[in-house]
C-alpha atoms as a PDB file:
ATOM      1  CA  MET A   1     -16.836   9.333   0.559  1.00  0.00           C
ATOM      2  CA  GLU A   2     -15.944   5.693   1.101  1.00  0.00           C
ATOM      3  CA  GLU A   3     -12.552   4.525  -0.142  1.00  0.00           C
ATOM      4  CA  GLU A   4     -12.356   1.363  -2.186  1.00  0.00           C
ATOM      5  CA  THR A   5      -9.731  -1.325  -1.791  1.00  0.00           C
ATOM      6  CA  LEU A   6      -7.194  -1.954  -4.523  1.00  0.00           C
ATOM      7  CA  GLU A   7      -8.945  -5.249  -5.251  1.00  0.00           C
ATOM      8  CA  GLU A   8     -12.287  -3.446  -5.682  1.00  0.00           C
ATOM      9  CA  ALA A   9     -10.646  -0.882  -7.973  1.00  0.00           C
ATOM     10  CA  ALA A  10      -9.043  -3.639 -10.065  1.00  0.00           C
ATOM     11  CA  ASP A  11     -12.454  -5.256 -10.475  1.00  0.00           C
ATOM     12  CA  LYS A  12     -14.093  -1.905 -11.269  1.00  0.00           C
ATOM     13  CA  TYR A  13     -11.577  -1.052 -13.998  1.00  0.00           C
ATOM     14  CA  GLY A  14     -12.151  -4.162 -16.043  1.00  0.00           C
ATOM     15  CA  PHE A  15      -9.870  -6.953 -14.946  1.00  0.00           C
ATOM     16  CA  ARG A  16     -12.757  -9.317 -15.440  1.00  0.00           C
ATOM     17  CA  VAL A  17     -12.671 -11.383 -18.605  1.00  0.00           C
ATOM     18  CA  PRO A  18     -15.827 -13.111 -19.931  1.00  0.00           C
ATOM     19  CA  TYR A  19     -15.481 -16.855 -19.810  1.00  0.00           C
ATOM     20  CA  ASP A  20     -17.847 -19.332 -21.382  1.00  0.00           C
ATOM     21  CA  GLY A  21     -20.412 -16.642 -22.193  1.00  0.00           C
ATOM     22  CA  SER A  22     -22.155 -16.686 -18.817  1.00  0.00           C
ATOM     23  CA  ASN A  23     -19.578 -16.761 -16.023  1.00  0.00           C
ATOM     24  CA  ASP A  24     -16.909 -14.251 -15.132  1.00  0.00           C
ATOM     25  CA  PHE A  25     -13.269 -15.164 -14.947  1.00  0.00           C
ATOM     26  CA  TYR A  26     -10.820 -12.869 -13.168  1.00  0.00           C
ATOM     27  CA  ASP A  27      -7.418 -12.274 -14.711  1.00  0.00           C
ATOM     28  CA  LYS A  28      -5.397 -12.769 -11.535  1.00  0.00           C
ATOM     29  CA  GLU A  29      -2.091 -11.751 -13.143  1.00  0.00           C
ATOM     30  CA  ALA A  30      -3.580  -8.450 -14.350  1.00  0.00           C
ATOM     31  CA  ILE A  31      -5.046  -7.773 -10.897  1.00  0.00           C
ATOM     32  CA  LYS A  32      -1.674  -8.510  -9.274  1.00  0.00           C
ATOM     33  CA  HIS A  33       0.084  -6.075 -11.625  1.00  0.00           C
ATOM     34  CA  PHE A  34      -2.613  -3.409 -11.182  1.00  0.00           C
ATOM     35  CA  ILE A  35      -2.172  -3.560  -7.387  1.00  0.00           C
ATOM     36  CA  ALA A  36       1.639  -3.506  -7.646  1.00  0.00           C
ATOM     37  CA  GLY A  37       1.445  -0.441  -9.907  1.00  0.00           C
ATOM     38  CA  ALA A  38      -0.915   1.370  -7.553  1.00  0.00           C
ATOM     39  CA  LYS A  39       1.384   0.700  -4.586  1.00  0.00           C
ATOM     40  CA  TRP A  40       4.421   1.876  -6.571  1.00  0.00           C
ATOM     41  CA  GLN A  41       2.636   5.099  -7.512  1.00  0.00           C
ATOM     42  CA  GLN A  42       1.589   5.706  -3.905  1.00  0.00           C
ATOM     43  CA  GLU A  43       5.189   5.355  -2.714  1.00  0.00           C
ATOM     44  CA  ARG A  44       6.261   8.022  -5.224  1.00  0.00           C
ATOM     45  CA  SER A  45       3.659  10.522  -3.997  1.00  0.00           C
ATOM     46  CA  TYR A  46       4.523  13.378  -1.677  1.00  0.00           C
ATOM     47  CA  SER A  47       2.715  13.743   1.627  1.00  0.00           C
ATOM     48  CA  GLU A  48       0.930  16.935   2.619  1.00  0.00           C
ATOM     49  CA  GLU A  49       3.660  17.485   5.231  1.00  0.00           C
ATOM     50  CA  ASP A  50       6.377  17.225   2.531  1.00  0.00           C
ATOM     51  CA  LEU A  51       4.561  19.812   0.430  1.00  0.00           C
ATOM     52  CA  LEU A  52       4.085  22.145   3.400  1.00  0.00           C
ATOM     53  CA  GLY A  53       7.837  22.099   4.035  1.00  0.00           C
ATOM     54  CA  ALA A  54       8.590  22.855   0.390  1.00  0.00           C
ATOM     55  CA  PHE A  55       5.986  25.638   0.311  1.00  0.00           C
ATOM     56  CA  GLU A  56       7.430  27.298   3.433  1.00  0.00           C
ATOM     57  CA  ALA A  57      10.992  26.976   2.095  1.00  0.00           C
ATOM     58  CA  GLY A  58       9.889  28.614  -1.153  1.00  0.00           C
ATOM     59  CA  MET A  59       8.253  31.506   0.695  1.00  0.00           C
ATOM     60  CA  MET A  60      11.440  32.038   2.701  1.00  0.00           C
ATOM     61  CA  PHE A  61      13.563  31.868  -0.463  1.00  0.00           C
ATOM     62  CA  ILE A  62      11.594  34.542  -2.348  1.00  0.00           C
ATOM     63  CA  GLY A  63      11.241  36.637   0.790  1.00  0.00           C
ATOM     64  CA  GLU A  64       7.552  37.398   0.520  1.00  0.00           C
ATOM     65  CA  ASP A  65       4.226  35.864   1.432  1.00  0.00           C
ATOM     66  CA  LYS A  66       2.241  34.652  -1.587  1.00  0.00           C
ATOM     67  CA  GLY A  67      -0.745  33.299   0.343  1.00  0.00           C
ATOM     68  CA  SER A  68      -1.564  30.392   2.573  1.00  0.00           C
ATOM     69  CA  PHE A  69      -0.447  26.830   2.039  1.00  0.00           C
ATOM     70  CA  LYS A  70      -3.981  25.558   2.602  1.00  0.00           C
ATOM     71  CA  GLU A  71      -5.380  27.667  -0.254  1.00  0.00           C
ATOM     72  CA  TRP A  72      -2.522  26.637  -2.547  1.00  0.00           C
ATOM     73  CA  PHE A  73      -2.857  22.959  -1.618  1.00  0.00           C
ATOM     74  CA  GLU A  74      -6.621  22.903  -2.168  1.00  0.00           C
ATOM     75  CA  GLN A  75      -6.169  24.498  -5.593  1.00  0.00           C
ATOM     76  CA  PHE A  76      -3.791  21.814  -6.848  1.00  0.00           C
ATOM     77  CA  LYS A  77      -4.781  18.600  -5.073  1.00  0.00           C
ATOM     78  CA  LYS A  78      -6.632  15.949  -7.037  1.00  0.00           C
ATOM     79  CA  LYS A  79     -10.303  15.763  -6.324  1.00  0.00           C
END
């Protein structure tokens, strides 16, 4: 699966405003804010390594093995 750039995603999700009936006009301010929001959200996300550490700490805290991290991670990650 090929990843799209933030600019491509901004275009895909409708930051194009019809202008003069025939041409397209891009709302550059909206695109700028869309990209800033996406970057902000990415910075708030946890890495897989962060989650592995938390999972292992939780297993140690409860004192029993509740399964593998990989199975747990695959169940809850966004697809």
